[in-house]
């Protein structure tokens, strides 16, 4: 593999890994955490559910400001049928200078200023606590054959880890609790019951994750309630599905992680081990085979694929060498009658790409580029003709059956599958699930990064890593690579240079085909073989402007031919996972 090609592949993989790492940070809310001016130390919440259905809630939240700050920014939006009353807010450890925002029956969204400007926290941070007291009406819901109290006691709008989140529910004796379901289930937590009092404690709740509890009650009539159009059976299905998904999610993640390691190994072991070939010499000083340069480019440089711009450039040079073109000026070519036999690849290039785009017998890449600007149909026509030539040469290379690509196809297909599936799974889990499984998402995001990295490496590896050359193909490939070594080693060429200008011409043509035109051109200029000025390729020996003009032509056509160049998650209140009333967020500004 060329050093330049290897560098590009390394850069692509590095950039992809960096992008994947940014994705992991985003999925887990790390950017929000790093940008936040505070962290939550702990939260203690008490909820008293009276016999009339009103929930009296007391929140005591402890914060440490770690960056310059104004104050606190609590908010909460309530669903239809639920309303807020008797709201009170106080702060300990600091004085409230000003308070802006709204408090209504629908919730609150406040800015609580603790200073007149920015406060610079002292070393270790400024510690304050915020106390909220409010009543919720409509939190008790009445279904067809059950009642419930479904409370989101911590919202996903808090950009901080919560080391300890404790909430105590005290139900009046009139309530008969049948079941208790907490979400999320994957974060360490405990539930302790003492009569009609329940203590729920979460440890290390991730940033931007919510926490909620669903108390399923026997059917009860209370003065203040809201309705839910579901039965107890519907709720049971939702909760069973939520818990049941955990094992399948773990299984899927482990399978994807295993595939990223197993498939490459299988692909290489069964399809990528090359046959042993014994060559007589480490270098090839003569042209190994008489194949046309486009075919050599397709097989050797492109590993049995459509030829690239180097194959195009080498074929143009060969047309010059055979008398069908001649240099006209710095980077243009003039059509000539020619009298030598041509390969099918050269005939096709003349027919499709050269002759139709000559003006007064001159094929001028720079003029073509200018004509392509703003002319989409012309650019598309050239690109289509060029690609027809590429495809024909590529098919001819494939028909030789030099390279068995089953393993490469398997490995690259898996890589593409992983690259598509990994971000889709992560984003979908956030959008559709609303962070139903925050800790699993954290673990899987790192699994996904491993898969993502392996997939990009697999995608960037050459075709013959997971594919396998036949014995004939392997010999063909290695002899051309040995010829490349010879052309790339200036000391060898200088020690034993070709004896004829004709052979120098062939060196330049095939050196261009395998991607080392600049090295061969440098060697020619250094050695200055006798009679070089009589060669039809003499202008190509002395200046590489022709190479830049030809090789970039397909790229320009491609640029100017483009038009563009000119579930259970979420749900309504009371139903699905994440549908508890309350939530919102606690943060600073």
Protein backbone atom coordinates (compact mmCIF):
# COMPACT_ATOMS: atom_id res chain seq x y z
CA UNK A 1 0.00 0.00 0.00
CA UNK A 2 1.30 3.48 -0.85
CA UNK A 3 2.44 5.66 2.01
CA UNK A 4 0.05 8.40 0.90
CA UNK A 5 -2.85 5.99 0.70
CA UNK A 6 -2.00 4.58 4.12
CA UNK A 7 -1.86 8.11 5.55
CA UNK A 8 -5.26 8.96 4.09
CA UNK A 9 -6.78 5.77 5.50
CA UNK A 10 -5.26 6.50 8.90
CA UNK A 11 -6.66 10.03 8.83
CA UNK A 12 -10.12 8.75 7.85
CA UNK A 13 -10.15 6.17 10.66
CA UNK A 14 -8.84 8.72 13.18
CA UNK A 15 -11.49 11.25 12.14
CA UNK A 16 -14.21 8.58 12.32
CA UNK A 17 -13.11 7.51 15.80
CA UNK A 18 -13.05 11.14 16.93
CA UNK A 19 -16.58 11.59 15.54
CA UNK A 20 -17.67 8.42 17.32
CA UNK A 21 -16.18 9.65 20.57
CA UNK A 22 -18.06 12.93 20.25
CA UNK A 23 -21.21 10.88 19.66
CA UNK A 24 -20.61 8.91 22.86
CA UNK A 25 -20.15 12.14 24.81
CA UNK A 26 -23.34 13.59 23.31
CA UNK A 27 -25.43 10.47 23.93
CA UNK A 28 -24.37 10.34 27.56
CA UNK A 29 -24.91 14.06 28.17
CA UNK A 30 -21.26 14.74 28.99
CA UNK A 31 -21.21 18.01 27.03
CA UNK A 32 -24.12 19.32 29.08
CA UNK A 33 -22.37 18.25 32.27
CA UNK A 34 -19.11 19.94 31.32
CA UNK A 35 -20.94 23.13 30.36
CA UNK A 36 -23.05 23.21 33.52
CA UNK A 37 -22.11 25.74 36.19
CA UNK A 38 -23.13 23.38 38.99
CA UNK A 39 -23.34 19.78 40.05
CA UNK A 40 -26.04 18.14 42.13
CA UNK A 41 -24.71 16.61 45.37
CA UNK A 42 -27.95 14.94 46.45
CA UNK A 43 -31.69 15.39 46.53
CA UNK A 44 -34.24 14.52 49.23
CA UNK A 45 -37.90 14.52 48.22
CA UNK A 46 -40.97 13.80 50.33
CA UNK A 47 -44.41 13.20 48.79
CA UNK A 48 -47.51 13.01 50.99
CA UNK A 49 -50.59 11.76 49.15
CA UNK A 50 -53.67 12.85 51.10
CA UNK A 51 -56.97 10.96 51.05
CA UNK A 52 -58.53 13.64 48.84
CA UNK A 53 -55.93 12.92 46.12
CA UNK A 54 -53.78 16.02 46.57
CA UNK A 55 -50.03 15.34 46.67
CA UNK A 56 -48.02 17.65 48.95
CA UNK A 57 -44.43 17.65 47.70
CA UNK A 58 -41.33 18.89 49.49
CA UNK A 59 -37.99 18.94 47.63
CA UNK A 60 -34.62 19.69 49.22
CA UNK A 61 -31.81 19.71 46.65
CA UNK A 62 -28.13 20.31 47.36
CA UNK A 63 -25.83 21.88 44.76
CA UNK A 64 -22.22 22.94 44.35
CA UNK A 65 -21.47 25.78 41.93
CA UNK A 66 -18.17 24.99 40.22
CA UNK A 67 -18.07 27.79 37.62
CA UNK A 68 -18.97 31.49 37.60
CA UNK A 69 -22.74 31.70 38.02
CA UNK A 70 -25.84 33.85 38.41
CA UNK A 71 -28.10 31.37 40.16
CA UNK A 72 -30.52 28.45 39.86
CA UNK A 73 -32.88 27.56 37.02
CA UNK A 74 -35.58 25.06 38.03
CA UNK A 75 -38.43 24.20 35.69
CA UNK A 76 -41.27 21.70 35.42
CA UNK A 77 -44.17 21.32 32.98
CA UNK A 78 -47.28 19.40 33.93
CA UNK A 79 -49.45 17.34 31.57
CA UNK A 80 -53.10 18.04 30.82
CA UNK A 81 -55.35 17.19 33.77
CA UNK A 82 -52.70 17.92 36.38
CA UNK A 83 -52.18 21.31 38.00
CA UNK A 84 -49.81 23.03 40.42
CA UNK A 85 -50.84 25.05 43.49
CA UNK A 86 -49.27 26.65 46.57
CA UNK A 87 -45.78 26.90 45.09
CA UNK A 88 -42.98 28.17 47.33
CA UNK A 89 -39.24 28.39 46.75
CA UNK A 90 -36.42 29.21 49.13
CA UNK A 91 -32.62 28.93 49.09
CA UNK A 92 -30.18 28.12 51.88
CA UNK A 93 -26.50 29.08 51.75
CA UNK A 94 -27.18 32.18 49.65
CA UNK A 95 -29.65 35.06 49.37
CA UNK A 96 -32.12 35.45 46.53
CA UNK A 97 -31.42 38.80 44.80
CA UNK A 98 -34.10 38.48 42.15
CA UNK A 99 -36.49 35.94 40.72
CA UNK A 100 -37.88 35.95 37.18
CA UNK A 101 -39.92 33.55 35.09
CA UNK A 102 -43.35 31.98 35.49
CA UNK A 103 -45.28 29.96 38.03
CA UNK A 104 -48.70 28.77 36.91
CA UNK A 105 -51.05 25.84 37.18
CA UNK A 106 -49.11 24.26 34.30
CA UNK A 107 -45.79 24.28 36.16
CA UNK A 108 -42.88 26.67 36.64
CA UNK A 109 -39.83 27.97 34.79
CA UNK A 110 -37.69 30.26 36.92
CA UNK A 111 -34.41 32.12 37.06
CA UNK A 112 -33.37 32.54 40.68
CA UNK A 113 -30.57 35.15 40.89
CA UNK A 114 -28.24 34.70 43.84
CA UNK A 115 -26.10 37.75 43.00
CA UNK A 116 -26.16 41.00 41.05
CA UNK A 117 -23.57 39.83 38.52
CA UNK A 118 -21.45 36.73 38.11
CA UNK A 119 -20.26 35.04 41.27
CA UNK A 120 -16.84 33.42 41.15
CA UNK A 121 -17.04 30.27 43.31
CA UNK A 122 -14.44 29.79 46.00
CA UNK A 123 -12.02 26.84 45.80
CA UNK A 124 -14.04 23.67 46.13
CA UNK A 125 -17.19 25.44 44.94
CA UNK A 126 -20.07 27.35 46.50
CA UNK A 127 -22.58 25.08 48.21
CA UNK A 128 -26.27 25.99 48.29
CA UNK A 129 -29.54 24.15 48.68
CA UNK A 130 -32.92 24.86 47.15
CA UNK A 131 -36.19 24.00 48.86
CA UNK A 132 -39.40 23.64 46.86
CA UNK A 133 -42.86 23.13 48.31
CA UNK A 134 -45.93 22.70 46.14
CA UNK A 135 -49.15 20.75 45.78
CA UNK A 136 -50.14 18.60 42.81
CA UNK A 137 -53.82 18.13 41.96
CA UNK A 138 -54.75 15.34 39.57
CA UNK A 139 -51.72 13.18 40.25
CA UNK A 140 -53.97 10.31 41.28
CA UNK A 141 -55.40 8.79 38.11
CA UNK A 142 -58.50 6.68 37.69
CA UNK A 143 -58.55 3.91 35.08
CA UNK A 144 -61.21 1.38 34.09
CA UNK A 145 -60.43 -1.09 36.88
CA UNK A 146 -57.55 0.44 38.82
CA UNK A 147 -56.08 3.71 40.04
CA UNK A 148 -52.46 4.86 39.98
CA UNK A 149 -50.05 7.52 41.14
CA UNK A 150 -47.40 7.94 38.45
CA UNK A 151 -44.81 10.52 39.50
CA UNK A 152 -41.62 11.54 37.72
CA UNK A 153 -39.69 12.73 40.74
CA UNK A 154 -36.58 13.67 38.74
CA UNK A 155 -36.60 15.09 35.22
CA UNK A 156 -34.23 14.45 32.34
CA UNK A 157 -33.37 18.14 32.08
CA UNK A 158 -30.70 18.03 34.79
CA UNK A 159 -27.14 18.00 33.36
CA UNK A 160 -25.44 16.42 36.36
CA UNK A 161 -24.76 13.07 37.91
CA UNK A 162 -26.88 12.55 41.04
CA UNK A 163 -24.83 10.63 43.64
CA UNK A 164 -27.88 10.08 45.82
CA UNK A 165 -31.54 10.67 45.01
CA UNK A 166 -33.93 9.81 47.82
CA UNK A 167 -37.71 10.10 47.68
CA UNK A 168 -40.19 9.10 50.40
CA UNK A 169 -43.86 8.48 49.54
CA UNK A 170 -46.42 8.52 52.32
CA UNK A 171 -49.90 7.33 51.29
CA UNK A 172 -52.98 7.87 53.40
CA UNK A 173 -54.33 4.54 54.73
CA UNK A 174 -57.30 4.73 52.33
CA UNK A 175 -54.97 3.76 49.46
CA UNK A 176 -54.35 0.06 48.77
CA UNK A 177 -51.04 -0.34 46.90
CA UNK A 178 -50.98 -3.40 44.63
CA UNK A 179 -47.73 -2.93 42.68
CA UNK A 180 -44.75 -0.57 42.56
CA UNK A 181 -42.73 -0.04 39.37
CA UNK A 182 -39.69 2.23 39.14
CA UNK A 183 -37.95 3.54 36.03
CA UNK A 184 -35.14 3.24 35.19
CA UNK A 185 -34.50 -0.32 36.30
CA UNK A 186 -30.86 -0.46 35.19
CA UNK A 187 -29.49 2.20 37.56
CA UNK A 188 -28.68 0.95 41.11
CA UNK A 189 -31.65 1.61 43.37
CA UNK A 190 -33.54 0.26 46.36
CA UNK A 191 -37.19 0.24 47.45
CA UNK A 192 -38.11 -0.15 51.11
CA UNK A 193 -41.73 -0.46 52.20
CA UNK A 194 -43.03 0.21 55.69
CA UNK A 195 -46.81 -0.02 55.62
CA UNK A 196 -48.01 2.70 53.27
CA UNK A 197 -44.64 4.46 53.31
CA UNK A 198 -42.15 3.76 50.52
CA UNK A 199 -38.52 4.92 50.43
CA UNK A 200 -36.85 4.83 47.01
CA UNK A 201 -33.14 5.59 46.71
CA UNK A 202 -31.18 5.90 43.45
CA UNK A 203 -27.39 6.00 43.37
CA UNK A 204 -25.33 7.66 40.61
CA UNK A 205 -28.21 8.54 38.30
CA UNK A 206 -26.59 9.65 35.01
CA UNK A 207 -26.93 13.21 33.66
CA UNK A 208 -30.07 14.03 31.68
CA UNK A 209 -31.76 10.88 32.98
CA UNK A 210 -35.16 10.84 34.58
CA UNK A 211 -36.44 8.78 37.51
CA UNK A 212 -40.09 7.96 38.18
CA UNK A 213 -42.31 5.56 40.09
CA UNK A 214 -45.70 4.09 39.27
CA UNK A 215 -47.85 3.03 42.21
CA UNK A 216 -50.69 0.81 41.05
CA UNK A 217 -53.63 1.17 43.42
CA UNK A 218 -56.89 -0.58 43.92
CA UNK A 219 -59.73 1.35 42.30
CA UNK A 220 -60.49 4.33 44.54
CA UNK A 221 -62.65 7.43 44.35
CA UNK A 222 -60.98 10.61 45.55
CA UNK A 223 -62.04 14.25 45.38
CA UNK A 224 -59.19 15.29 43.08
CA UNK A 225 -58.13 12.98 40.27
CA UNK A 226 -57.53 12.75 36.51
CA UNK A 227 -58.60 10.05 34.11
CA UNK A 228 -56.54 7.51 32.20
CA UNK A 229 -58.00 5.47 29.37
CA UNK A 230 -56.27 2.23 30.28
CA UNK A 231 -56.92 -0.92 32.26
CA UNK A 232 -54.74 -2.66 34.82
CA UNK A 233 -53.93 -5.25 32.13
CA UNK A 234 -52.63 -2.50 29.83
CA UNK A 235 -50.31 -1.21 32.57
CA UNK A 236 -49.06 -4.73 33.32
CA UNK A 237 -48.18 -5.25 29.64
CA UNK A 238 -46.28 -1.95 29.51
CA UNK A 239 -44.26 -2.73 32.62
CA UNK A 240 -43.56 -6.35 31.67
CA UNK A 241 -42.42 -5.23 28.22
CA UNK A 242 -40.14 -2.60 29.76
CA UNK A 243 -38.43 -5.09 32.08
CA UNK A 244 -38.34 -7.80 29.42
CA UNK A 245 -36.49 -5.55 27.00
CA UNK A 246 -33.45 -5.38 29.25
CA UNK A 247 -32.18 -8.88 28.47
CA UNK A 248 -32.80 -8.45 24.73
CA UNK A 249 -30.97 -5.14 24.69
CA UNK A 250 -27.99 -6.72 26.46
CA UNK A 251 -28.10 -9.66 24.06
CA UNK A 252 -28.19 -7.39 21.01
CA UNK A 253 -25.28 -5.33 22.28
CA UNK A 254 -23.16 -8.37 23.09
CA UNK A 255 -23.93 -9.91 19.69
CA UNK A 256 -22.86 -6.73 17.88
CA UNK A 257 -19.70 -6.55 19.95
CA UNK A 258 -18.91 -10.19 19.25
CA UNK A 259 -19.59 -9.82 15.52
CA UNK A 260 -17.08 -6.98 15.31
CA UNK A 261 -14.38 -9.40 16.47
CA UNK A 262 -15.55 -12.73 15.10
CA UNK A 263 -16.44 -11.79 11.51
CA UNK A 264 -13.04 -10.19 10.71
CA UNK A 265 -11.27 -13.26 12.13
CA UNK A 266 -13.46 -15.68 10.18
CA UNK A 267 -13.13 -13.59 7.01
CA UNK A 268 -9.35 -13.53 7.24
CA UNK A 269 -8.84 -17.13 8.40
CA UNK A 270 -11.06 -18.76 5.80
CA UNK A 271 -10.80 -16.31 2.91
CA UNK A 272 -7.76 -14.08 3.45
CA UNK A 273 -4.80 -16.46 3.79
CA UNK A 274 -2.71 -16.09 0.64
CA UNK A 275 -1.15 -18.96 -1.33
CA UNK A 276 2.64 -19.20 -1.10
CA UNK A 277 4.47 -17.91 -4.15
CA UNK A 278 8.22 -18.19 -4.80
CA UNK A 279 9.67 -15.40 -6.95
CA UNK A 280 13.17 -15.52 -8.38
CA UNK A 281 14.05 -11.93 -7.54
CA UNK A 282 13.08 -9.20 -5.12
CA UNK A 283 12.93 -6.68 -7.97
CA UNK A 284 11.60 -6.68 -11.55
CA UNK A 285 13.69 -4.57 -13.92
CA UNK A 286 11.66 -5.44 -16.99
CA UNK A 287 7.94 -4.89 -17.61
CA UNK A 288 6.49 -8.06 -15.98
CA UNK A 289 3.49 -8.48 -18.32
CA UNK A 290 2.37 -6.95 -21.59
CA UNK A 291 -1.08 -5.97 -20.33
CA UNK A 292 -2.35 -2.45 -21.12
CA UNK A 293 -1.69 0.09 -18.36
CA UNK A 294 -5.39 0.59 -17.51
CA UNK A 295 -5.73 -3.12 -16.76
CA UNK A 296 -2.57 -3.10 -14.62
CA UNK A 297 -3.96 -0.13 -12.70
CA UNK A 298 -7.28 -1.91 -12.21
CA UNK A 299 -5.71 -5.13 -10.91
CA UNK A 300 -2.62 -3.98 -9.03
CA UNK A 301 -3.31 -0.49 -7.73
CA UNK A 302 -7.09 -0.81 -7.43
CA UNK A 303 -7.08 -4.50 -6.34
CA UNK A 304 -9.41 -5.65 -9.13
CA UNK A 305 -11.74 -2.66 -9.30
CA UNK A 306 -12.55 0.08 -11.79
CA UNK A 307 -9.40 2.00 -12.83
CA UNK A 308 -8.77 5.39 -11.26
CA UNK A 309 -7.36 8.64 -12.62
CA UNK A 310 -3.85 7.10 -12.71
CA UNK A 311 -5.18 4.41 -15.06
CA UNK A 312 -6.76 7.14 -17.16
CA UNK A 313 -3.52 9.17 -17.28
CA UNK A 314 -1.39 6.11 -18.14
CA UNK A 315 -3.73 5.19 -21.00
CA UNK A 316 -3.50 8.70 -22.42
CA UNK A 317 0.31 8.42 -22.28
CA UNK A 318 0.14 5.08 -24.06
CA UNK A 319 -1.98 6.67 -26.81
CA UNK A 320 0.75 9.28 -27.19
CA UNK A 321 3.42 6.56 -27.31
CA UNK A 322 1.45 4.69 -30.00
CA UNK A 323 1.01 7.80 -32.15
CA UNK A 324 -2.73 8.44 -31.66
CA UNK A 325 -2.13 11.59 -29.60
CA UNK A 326 0.70 14.09 -29.33
CA UNK A 327 1.45 16.79 -26.81
CA UNK A 328 0.10 20.18 -27.82
CA UNK A 329 1.25 22.89 -25.48
CA UNK A 330 1.60 22.35 -21.75
CA UNK A 331 -1.28 20.01 -20.92
CA UNK A 332 -3.28 19.50 -24.11
CA UNK A 333 -3.18 16.72 -26.70
CA UNK A 334 -3.67 16.70 -30.47
CA UNK A 335 -5.37 13.85 -32.27
CA UNK A 336 -3.09 11.93 -34.63
CA UNK A 337 -3.86 9.13 -37.12
CA UNK A 338 -1.65 6.49 -35.49
CA UNK A 339 -0.78 3.18 -37.10
CA UNK A 340 -0.06 0.80 -34.23
CA UNK A 341 -2.47 -1.74 -32.84
CA UNK A 342 -4.34 -0.69 -29.69
CA UNK A 343 -5.79 -2.64 -26.82
CA UNK A 344 -9.56 -2.66 -26.31
CA UNK A 345 -9.12 -0.35 -23.33
CA UNK A 346 -7.30 2.25 -25.43
CA UNK A 347 -9.76 2.01 -28.32
CA UNK A 348 -12.65 2.53 -25.93
CA UNK A 349 -11.03 5.54 -24.27
CA UNK A 350 -10.44 7.15 -27.65
CA UNK A 351 -14.03 6.47 -28.70
CA UNK A 352 -15.82 7.51 -25.49
CA UNK A 353 -13.64 10.07 -23.73
CA UNK A 354 -11.10 11.59 -26.11
CA UNK A 355 -12.63 12.12 -29.55
CA UNK A 356 -16.10 13.36 -28.48
CA UNK A 357 -14.50 16.08 -26.37
CA UNK A 358 -11.89 17.39 -28.78
CA UNK A 359 -12.26 20.86 -30.26
CA UNK A 360 -10.63 21.33 -33.66
CA UNK A 361 -8.65 18.16 -33.06
CA UNK A 362 -7.37 19.24 -29.61
CA UNK A 363 -8.20 17.45 -26.37
CA UNK A 364 -7.57 20.11 -23.72
CA UNK A 365 -8.37 19.13 -20.09
CA UNK A 366 -8.17 22.74 -18.87
CA UNK A 367 -10.66 23.94 -21.49
CA UNK A 368 -12.92 21.04 -20.57
CA UNK A 369 -12.83 22.07 -16.91
CA UNK A 370 -13.83 25.63 -17.83
CA UNK A 371 -16.69 24.36 -19.98
CA UNK A 372 -17.95 22.16 -17.15
CA UNK A 373 -18.37 25.11 -14.77
CA UNK A 374 -22.08 25.86 -14.55
CA UNK A 375 -22.85 23.31 -17.25
CA UNK A 376 -24.34 20.37 -15.38
CA UNK A 377 -25.58 18.41 -18.40
CA UNK A 378 -22.19 18.64 -20.14
CA UNK A 379 -20.39 17.56 -16.96
CA UNK A 380 -22.80 14.64 -16.49
CA UNK A 381 -22.26 13.54 -20.09
CA UNK A 382 -18.48 13.49 -19.71
CA UNK A 383 -18.67 11.72 -16.36
CA UNK A 384 -21.05 9.11 -17.77
CA UNK A 385 -18.75 8.37 -20.72
CA UNK A 386 -15.70 8.20 -18.46
CA UNK A 387 -17.48 5.83 -16.08
CA UNK A 388 -18.54 3.58 -18.98
CA UNK A 389 -14.86 3.21 -19.81
CA UNK A 390 -14.02 2.51 -16.17
CA UNK A 391 -16.68 -0.17 -15.86
CA UNK A 392 -15.55 -1.99 -19.01
CA UNK A 393 -11.95 -2.12 -17.81
CA UNK A 394 -13.05 -3.18 -14.31
CA UNK A 395 -15.17 -6.01 -15.71
CA UNK A 396 -12.27 -7.27 -17.80
CA UNK A 397 -10.07 -7.30 -14.69
CA UNK A 398 -12.70 -9.23 -12.73
CA UNK A 399 -13.07 -11.84 -15.49
CA UNK A 400 -9.50 -12.92 -14.90
CA UNK A 401 -10.55 -14.27 -11.46
CA UNK A 402 -7.30 -13.20 -9.85
CA UNK A 403 -8.87 -12.19 -6.53
CA UNK A 404 -11.42 -14.14 -4.47
CA UNK A 405 -13.44 -11.52 -2.61
CA UNK A 406 -15.93 -13.54 -0.53
CA UNK A 407 -14.21 -12.69 2.74
CA UNK A 408 -13.82 -9.04 1.80
CA UNK A 409 -17.50 -8.81 0.88
CA UNK A 410 -18.48 -10.41 4.18
CA UNK A 411 -16.21 -8.15 6.26
CA UNK A 412 -17.12 -4.94 4.42
CA UNK A 413 -20.84 -5.77 4.53
CA UNK A 414 -20.61 -6.24 8.28
CA UNK A 415 -18.69 -2.97 8.59
CA UNK A 416 -21.35 -1.04 6.66
CA UNK A 417 -24.09 -2.76 8.69
CA UNK A 418 -22.42 -1.70 11.95
CA UNK A 419 -21.78 1.85 10.73
CA UNK A 420 -25.46 2.24 9.86
CA UNK A 421 -26.93 0.36 12.81
CA UNK A 422 -24.84 1.69 15.71
CA UNK A 423 -25.80 5.40 15.48
CA UNK A 424 -29.39 4.50 14.59
CA UNK A 425 -29.74 2.34 17.71
CA UNK A 426 -28.24 4.96 19.99
CA UNK A 427 -30.21 7.90 18.60
CA UNK A 428 -33.43 5.88 18.49
CA UNK A 429 -32.96 4.79 22.08
CA UNK A 430 -32.77 8.45 23.09
CA UNK A 431 -35.56 9.80 20.90
CA UNK A 432 -38.06 6.96 21.26
CA UNK A 433 -37.17 5.73 24.72
CA UNK A 434 -36.44 9.03 26.40
CA UNK A 435 -33.51 7.48 28.30
CA UNK A 436 -35.48 4.52 29.59
CA UNK A 437 -32.23 2.65 30.24
CA UNK A 438 -29.60 5.35 30.94
CA UNK A 439 -26.91 3.08 32.37
CA UNK A 440 -27.30 0.50 29.60
CA UNK A 441 -27.04 3.33 27.08
CA UNK A 442 -23.80 4.42 28.71
CA UNK A 443 -22.27 0.95 28.51
CA UNK A 444 -23.57 0.33 25.01
CA UNK A 445 -22.36 3.68 23.74
CA UNK A 446 -18.81 2.51 24.50
CA UNK A 447 -19.58 -0.88 22.94
CA UNK A 448 -20.85 1.02 19.90
CA UNK A 449 -17.63 3.06 19.78
CA UNK A 450 -15.58 -0.15 19.73
CA UNK A 451 -17.80 -1.54 16.94
CA UNK A 452 -17.65 1.79 15.10
CA UNK A 453 -13.84 1.84 15.26
CA UNK A 454 -13.45 -1.78 14.16
CA UNK A 455 -15.94 -1.21 11.33
CA UNK A 456 -14.02 1.78 9.97
CA UNK A 457 -10.73 -0.12 10.16
CA UNK A 458 -12.33 -3.03 8.28
CA UNK A 459 -13.75 -0.64 5.70
CA UNK A 460 -10.40 1.06 5.13
CA UNK A 461 -8.31 -2.10 4.85
CA UNK A 462 -7.35 -3.11 1.31
CA UNK A 463 -9.53 -5.63 -0.48
CA UNK A 464 -6.90 -8.36 -0.32
CA UNK A 465 -6.68 -8.37 3.50
CA UNK A 466 -9.96 -10.27 3.82
CA UNK A 467 -9.93 -11.42 0.20
CA UNK A 468 -7.45 -13.89 -1.27
CA UNK A 469 -5.47 -13.90 -4.49
CA UNK A 470 -5.42 -17.06 -6.58
CA UNK A 471 -1.96 -18.46 -7.17
CA UNK A 472 -1.82 -16.92 -10.65
CA UNK A 473 -3.23 -13.64 -9.38
CA UNK A 474 -0.82 -13.54 -6.46
CA UNK A 475 2.17 -14.02 -8.76
CA UNK A 476 0.85 -11.34 -11.12
CA UNK A 477 0.35 -8.90 -8.24
CA UNK A 478 3.71 -9.55 -6.56
CA UNK A 479 5.70 -9.22 -9.78
CA UNK A 480 4.14 -5.84 -10.46
CA UNK A 481 4.80 -4.81 -6.84
CA UNK A 482 8.44 -5.85 -7.26
CA UNK A 483 8.56 -3.75 -10.42
CA UNK A 484 7.17 -0.87 -8.36
CA UNK A 485 9.94 -1.42 -5.79
CA UNK A 486 12.52 -1.16 -8.55
CA UNK A 487 11.05 2.05 -9.95
CA UNK A 488 10.80 3.53 -6.45
CA UNK A 489 14.42 2.77 -5.59
CA UNK A 490 16.40 5.50 -7.33
CA UNK A 491 19.75 3.91 -6.44
CA UNK A 492 18.81 0.71 -8.33
CA UNK A 493 17.73 2.61 -11.44
CA UNK A 494 20.91 4.69 -11.36
CA UNK A 495 23.03 1.57 -10.89
CA UNK A 496 21.51 -0.23 -13.85
CA UNK A 497 19.36 2.11 -15.96
CA UNK A 498 17.41 0.94 -19.02
CA UNK A 499 19.46 0.86 -22.19
CA UNK A 500 16.84 2.40 -24.49
CA UNK A 501 14.57 5.43 -24.46
CA UNK A 502 11.73 3.10 -25.45
CA UNK A 503 12.04 1.30 -22.13
CA UNK A 504 12.15 4.61 -20.26
CA UNK A 505 8.85 5.46 -21.95
CA UNK A 506 7.38 2.20 -20.72
CA UNK A 507 8.66 2.92 -17.22
CA UNK A 508 6.83 6.23 -17.21
CA UNK A 509 3.60 4.74 -18.59
CA UNK A 510 3.43 1.81 -16.18
CA UNK A 511 4.83 3.83 -13.29
CA UNK A 512 1.89 6.19 -13.83
CA UNK A 513 -0.52 3.23 -13.91
CA UNK A 514 0.65 1.91 -10.54
CA UNK A 515 0.68 5.37 -8.96
CA UNK A 516 4.34 6.46 -8.89
CA UNK A 517 4.50 8.86 -11.86
CA UNK A 518 6.33 11.50 -9.83
CA UNK A 519 9.08 9.09 -8.72
CA UNK A 520 9.71 7.85 -12.25
CA UNK A 521 9.69 11.38 -13.64
CA UNK A 522 12.25 12.43 -11.04
CA UNK A 523 14.51 9.48 -11.90
CA UNK A 524 14.32 10.27 -15.62
CA UNK A 525 15.26 13.91 -15.09
CA UNK A 526 18.15 12.96 -12.80
CA UNK A 527 19.68 10.40 -15.17
CA UNK A 528 18.79 12.23 -18.44
CA UNK A 529 19.06 9.26 -20.80
CA UNK A 530 20.58 9.93 -24.22
CA UNK A 531 18.12 10.67 -26.99
CA UNK A 532 15.29 11.46 -24.58
CA UNK A 533 14.37 14.59 -26.57
CA UNK A 534 13.41 12.31 -29.48
CA UNK A 535 10.78 10.48 -27.44
CA UNK A 536 7.10 11.33 -28.09
CA UNK A 537 6.76 11.40 -24.29
CA UNK A 538 9.56 13.93 -23.82
CA UNK A 539 7.19 16.71 -22.55
CA UNK A 540 5.83 14.26 -19.96
CA UNK A 541 9.36 13.48 -18.78
CA UNK A 542 10.23 17.09 -18.10
CA UNK A 543 6.98 18.45 -16.62
CA UNK A 544 4.14 16.84 -14.67
CA UNK A 545 1.59 19.52 -15.60
CA UNK A 546 0.02 17.06 -18.05
CA UNK A 547 -0.51 14.59 -15.20
CA UNK A 548 -2.31 17.09 -12.99
CA UNK A 549 -4.50 18.24 -15.88
CA UNK A 550 -5.62 14.72 -16.85
CA UNK A 551 -5.90 13.09 -13.44
CA UNK A 552 -8.12 15.86 -12.03
CA UNK A 553 -10.51 15.89 -14.97
CA UNK A 554 -12.86 13.14 -13.64
CA UNK A 555 -12.93 14.89 -10.27
CA UNK A 556 -13.99 18.18 -11.84
CA UNK A 557 -16.68 16.40 -13.85
CA UNK A 558 -18.00 14.79 -10.68
CA UNK A 559 -18.10 18.12 -8.82
CA UNK A 560 -19.85 20.05 -11.61
CA UNK A 561 -22.32 17.30 -12.48
CA UNK A 562 -23.97 17.55 -9.07
CA UNK A 563 -27.10 19.65 -8.72
CA UNK A 564 -26.17 20.32 -5.14
CA UNK A 565 -23.12 22.24 -6.16
CA UNK A 566 -25.10 25.21 -7.42
CA UNK A 567 -42.83 1.57 21.59
CA UNK A 568 -43.39 2.27 24.74
CA UNK A 569 -41.24 5.23 25.26
CA UNK A 570 -42.63 8.62 26.15
CA UNK A 571 -46.34 8.71 25.47
CA UNK A 572 -49.12 10.64 27.19
CA UNK A 573 -49.33 11.13 30.93
CA UNK A 574 -49.97 7.95 32.86
CA UNK A 575 -49.34 5.43 30.10
CA UNK A 576 -45.93 4.48 28.76
CA UNK A 577 -42.53 4.51 30.38
CA UNK A 578 -41.41 8.08 31.02
CA UNK A 579 -45.01 9.28 31.18
CA UNK A 580 -45.15 10.24 34.84
CA UNK A 581 -46.16 13.78 35.79
CA UNK A 582 -43.51 16.18 37.02
CA UNK A 583 -39.90 15.93 35.96
CA UNK A 584 -38.51 19.03 34.30
CA UNK A 585 -34.98 19.94 35.24
CA UNK A 586 -32.73 21.44 37.87
CA UNK A 587 -29.74 23.43 36.80
CA UNK A 588 -27.92 26.74 37.01
CA UNK A 589 -26.96 29.67 34.83
